[in-house]
Every structure is written in structure tokens, then in C-alpha cells.
């Protein structure tokens, strides 16, 4: 039982460290005057922070109660929420890239927006 608690604590700390490092890597590289973050980036950073807080809470509760039964439901649900944010962020980025490519290559506009990938 003690080994399970230690393993859960290490996993929780690792997940929290991963979340914080992802949030750090997603920060804007160059700060411009009066340039707020895009809405989708703010949502992604907010979700990353929320998952970090939930993971830290689970880490503390496992340490204090010596019960690992809560880890599966809380962490799974928190990371499901983060998955939705990541998928929506990358979906938006893919659509923006298609729009940029269509403006650069107007002759290939139909193929760019065609999901099959076939160029005729």
C-alpha cells in the first residue's frame, strides 16, 4: 500500500510538472505592446493551469489520506477536459493554415480544402 502511494505521488508530481512546462512553452515568445493572447491560447493556458491545480490537489489528498482511489476519476476527468482544449486548439490552427495556403496558392484552393488530400 505504501508503494502505491509513493507511485501515485510521483506520477501526480510528474503530471503537474508536465502541465507547467507545457504552459511555459506555450507562452508568447516576443511580448509586443498591447498584444493580448489569442482567445484559443488563453483557453489552452487556462485549462493547463486548471489541470495542474487538480493534479496538485489529488497529489496532496493522496499524501494526506493514503488512499489512491480518487486519483483515477479526478485525473482522468481533468485530462479529458485538457484533451478537448488541445484538439480544438489544433483544429483551429489547421483551419488557419488551410486558409493561408489557399490565399498563397489560389489554383489549389479546392484541393487544400478537400480532406481526402488528393491533388487532381
C-alpha atoms as a PDB file:
ATOM      1  CA  UNK A   1       0.000   0.000   0.000  1.00  0.00           C
ATOM      2  CA  UNK A   2       2.823   2.395   0.824  1.00  0.00           C
ATOM      3  CA  UNK A   3       4.460   1.749  -2.548  1.00  0.00           C
ATOM      4  CA  UNK A   4       1.203   2.613  -4.340  1.00  0.00           C
ATOM      5  CA  UNK A   5       1.000   5.930  -2.507  1.00  0.00           C
ATOM      6  CA  UNK A   6       4.560   6.777  -3.402  1.00  0.00           C
ATOM      7  CA  UNK A   7       3.969   5.831  -7.044  1.00  0.00           C
ATOM      8  CA  UNK A   8       0.781   7.931  -7.181  1.00  0.00           C
ATOM      9  CA  UNK A   9       2.607  10.877  -5.637  1.00  0.00           C
ATOM     10  CA  UNK A  10       5.454  10.621  -8.142  1.00  0.00           C
ATOM     11  CA  UNK A  11       3.003  10.324 -11.053  1.00  0.00           C
ATOM     12  CA  UNK A  12       0.998  13.303  -9.804  1.00  0.00           C
ATOM     13  CA  UNK A  13       4.118  15.400  -9.452  1.00  0.00           C
ATOM     14  CA  UNK A  14       5.271  14.383 -12.925  1.00  0.00           C
ATOM     15  CA  UNK A  15       1.927  15.271 -14.448  1.00  0.00           C
ATOM     16  CA  UNK A  16       1.939  18.640 -12.698  1.00  0.00           C
ATOM     17  CA  UNK A  17       5.492  19.299 -13.907  1.00  0.00           C
ATOM     18  CA  UNK A  18       4.483  18.368 -17.462  1.00  0.00           C
ATOM     19  CA  UNK A  19       1.477  20.688 -17.322  1.00  0.00           C
ATOM     20  CA  UNK A  20       3.532  23.607 -16.040  1.00  0.00           C
ATOM     21  CA  UNK A  21       6.217  23.030 -18.663  1.00  0.00           C
ATOM     22  CA  UNK A  22       3.587  22.924 -21.429  1.00  0.00           C
ATOM     23  CA  UNK A  23       2.123  26.188 -20.190  1.00  0.00           C
ATOM     24  CA  UNK A  24       5.622  27.702 -20.130  1.00  0.00           C
ATOM     25  CA  UNK A  25       6.373  26.552 -23.672  1.00  0.00           C
ATOM     26  CA  UNK A  26       3.062  27.949 -24.977  1.00  0.00           C
ATOM     27  CA  UNK A  27       3.694  31.450 -23.708  1.00  0.00           C
ATOM     28  CA  UNK A  28       4.254  34.167 -26.291  1.00  0.00           C
ATOM     29  CA  UNK A  29       7.893  34.369 -27.321  1.00  0.00           C
ATOM     30  CA  UNK A  30       8.022  38.103 -28.022  1.00  0.00           C
ATOM     31  CA  UNK A  31       5.968  40.460 -25.958  1.00  0.00           C
ATOM     32  CA  UNK A  32       4.534  43.242 -28.075  1.00  0.00           C
ATOM     33  CA  UNK A  33       2.937  46.358 -26.695  1.00  0.00           C
ATOM     34  CA  UNK A  34      -0.837  45.934 -26.433  1.00  0.00           C
ATOM     35  CA  UNK A  35      -0.833  42.455 -27.954  1.00  0.00           C
ATOM     36  CA  UNK A  36      -3.132  40.223 -25.905  1.00  0.00           C
ATOM     37  CA  UNK A  37      -3.040  36.464 -26.288  1.00  0.00           C
ATOM     38  CA  UNK A  38      -5.453  34.938 -28.752  1.00  0.00           C
ATOM     39  CA  UNK A  39      -8.630  33.558 -27.232  1.00  0.00           C
ATOM     40  CA  UNK A  40      -7.764  29.942 -28.037  1.00  0.00           C
ATOM     41  CA  UNK A  41      -4.336  30.288 -26.408  1.00  0.00           C
ATOM     42  CA  UNK A  42      -5.909  31.777 -23.304  1.00  0.00           C
ATOM     43  CA  UNK A  43      -8.306  28.833 -23.105  1.00  0.00           C
ATOM     44  CA  UNK A  44      -5.458  26.357 -23.559  1.00  0.00           C
ATOM     45  CA  UNK A  45      -3.332  28.024 -20.869  1.00  0.00           C
ATOM     46  CA  UNK A  46      -6.293  28.260 -18.519  1.00  0.00           C
ATOM     47  CA  UNK A  47      -7.076  24.561 -18.997  1.00  0.00           C
ATOM     48  CA  UNK A  48      -3.422  23.642 -18.454  1.00  0.00           C
ATOM     49  CA  UNK A  49      -3.388  25.599 -15.222  1.00  0.00           C
ATOM     50  CA  UNK A  50      -6.639  24.031 -14.096  1.00  0.00           C
ATOM     51  CA  UNK A  51      -5.309  20.535 -14.742  1.00  0.00           C
ATOM     52  CA  UNK A  52      -2.156  21.446 -12.825  1.00  0.00           C
ATOM     53  CA  UNK A  53      -4.212  22.623  -9.841  1.00  0.00           C
ATOM     54  CA  UNK A  54      -6.374  19.490  -9.909  1.00  0.00           C
ATOM     55  CA  UNK A  55      -3.299  17.269 -10.147  1.00  0.00           C
ATOM     56  CA  UNK A  56      -1.660  19.086  -7.242  1.00  0.00           C
ATOM     57  CA  UNK A  57      -4.883  18.734  -5.209  1.00  0.00           C
ATOM     58  CA  UNK A  58      -5.012  14.991  -5.917  1.00  0.00           C
ATOM     59  CA  UNK A  59      -1.324  14.710  -5.025  1.00  0.00           C
ATOM     60  CA  UNK A  60      -1.929  16.373  -1.631  1.00  0.00           C
ATOM     61  CA  UNK A  61      -5.094  14.346  -0.933  1.00  0.00           C
ATOM     62  CA  UNK A  62      -3.342  11.054  -1.715  1.00  0.00           C
ATOM     63  CA  UNK A  63      -0.467  12.050   0.524  1.00  0.00           C
ATOM     64  CA  UNK A  64      -2.753  13.069   3.410  1.00  0.00           C
ATOM     65  CA  UNK A  65      -5.350  10.289   3.222  1.00  0.00           C
ATOM     66  CA  UNK A  66      -3.110   7.472   1.919  1.00  0.00           C
ATOM     67  CA  UNK A  67      -5.930   6.470  -0.437  1.00  0.00           C
ATOM     68  CA  UNK A  68      -5.297   6.264  -4.171  1.00  0.00           C
ATOM     69  CA  UNK A  69      -8.882   5.527  -5.198  1.00  0.00           C
ATOM     70  CA  UNK A  70      -9.620   9.163  -6.064  1.00  0.00           C
ATOM     71  CA  UNK A  71      -6.744   9.525  -8.499  1.00  0.00           C
ATOM     72  CA  UNK A  72      -8.317   7.667 -11.382  1.00  0.00           C
ATOM     73  CA  UNK A  73     -11.572   9.611 -11.554  1.00  0.00           C
ATOM     74  CA  UNK A  74     -10.226  13.097 -10.841  1.00  0.00           C
ATOM     75  CA  UNK A  75      -7.136  12.963 -13.032  1.00  0.00           C
ATOM     76  CA  UNK A  76      -8.925  11.148 -15.883  1.00  0.00           C
ATOM     77  CA  UNK A  77     -11.693  13.745 -15.953  1.00  0.00           C
ATOM     78  CA  UNK A  78      -9.236  16.640 -15.740  1.00  0.00           C
ATOM     79  CA  UNK A  79      -7.162  15.319 -18.611  1.00  0.00           C
ATOM     80  CA  UNK A  80     -10.297  14.660 -20.673  1.00  0.00           C
ATOM     81  CA  UNK A  81     -11.025  18.366 -20.332  1.00  0.00           C
ATOM     82  CA  UNK A  82      -7.474  19.194 -21.403  1.00  0.00           C
ATOM     83  CA  UNK A  83      -7.801  16.853 -24.411  1.00  0.00           C
ATOM     84  CA  UNK A  84     -10.816  18.827 -25.610  1.00  0.00           C
ATOM     85  CA  UNK A  85      -8.837  22.064 -25.350  1.00  0.00           C
ATOM     86  CA  UNK A  86      -5.831  20.644 -27.202  1.00  0.00           C
ATOM     87  CA  UNK A  87      -7.927  19.154 -30.007  1.00  0.00           C
ATOM     88  CA  UNK A  88      -9.893  22.357 -30.503  1.00  0.00           C
ATOM     89  CA  UNK A  89      -6.713  24.462 -30.472  1.00  0.00           C
ATOM     90  CA  UNK A  90      -5.009  22.287 -33.092  1.00  0.00           C
ATOM     91  CA  UNK A  91      -8.197  22.127 -35.179  1.00  0.00           C
ATOM     92  CA  UNK A  92      -8.295  25.920 -35.255  1.00  0.00           C
ATOM     93  CA  UNK A  93      -4.614  26.056 -36.196  1.00  0.00           C
ATOM     94  CA  UNK A  94      -5.163  23.559 -39.038  1.00  0.00           C
ATOM     95  CA  UNK A  95      -8.034  25.616 -40.420  1.00  0.00           C
ATOM     96  CA  UNK A  96      -5.960  28.804 -40.244  1.00  0.00           C
ATOM     97  CA  UNK A  97      -3.137  27.068 -42.114  1.00  0.00           C
ATOM     98  CA  UNK A  98      -5.552  25.931 -44.840  1.00  0.00           C
ATOM     99  CA  UNK A  99      -6.841  29.475 -45.263  1.00  0.00           C
ATOM    100  CA  UNK A 100      -3.264  30.811 -45.525  1.00  0.00           C
ATOM    101  CA  UNK A 101      -2.313  28.142 -48.068  1.00  0.00           C
ATOM    102  CA  UNK A 102      -5.442  28.847 -50.121  1.00  0.00           C
ATOM    103  CA  UNK A 103      -4.515  32.523 -50.306  1.00  0.00           C
ATOM    104  CA  UNK A 104      -0.946  31.690 -51.365  1.00  0.00           C
ATOM    105  CA  UNK A 105      -1.950  29.014 -53.906  1.00  0.00           C
ATOM    106  CA  UNK A 106      -5.327  30.070 -55.347  1.00  0.00           C
ATOM    107  CA  UNK A 107      -5.215  27.401 -58.086  1.00  0.00           C
ATOM    108  CA  UNK A 108      -5.102  24.642 -55.446  1.00  0.00           C
ATOM    109  CA  UNK A 109      -7.889  26.090 -53.295  1.00  0.00           C
ATOM    110  CA  UNK A 110     -10.283  23.188 -53.903  1.00  0.00           C
ATOM    111  CA  UNK A 111      -7.620  20.602 -53.101  1.00  0.00           C
ATOM    112  CA  UNK A 112      -6.493  22.429 -49.968  1.00  0.00           C
ATOM    113  CA  UNK A 113      -9.985  22.392 -48.514  1.00  0.00           C
ATOM    114  CA  UNK A 114     -10.610  18.803 -49.655  1.00  0.00           C
ATOM    115  CA  UNK A 115      -9.947  16.457 -46.719  1.00  0.00           C
ATOM    116  CA  UNK A 116      -9.002  13.499 -48.927  1.00  0.00           C
ATOM    117  CA  UNK A 117      -5.649  15.013 -49.805  1.00  0.00           C
ATOM    118  CA  UNK A 118      -5.882  14.010 -53.437  1.00  0.00           C
ATOM    119  CA  UNK A 119      -4.488  16.579 -55.871  1.00  0.00           C
ATOM    120  CA  UNK A 120      -6.090  16.264 -59.291  1.00  0.00           C
END
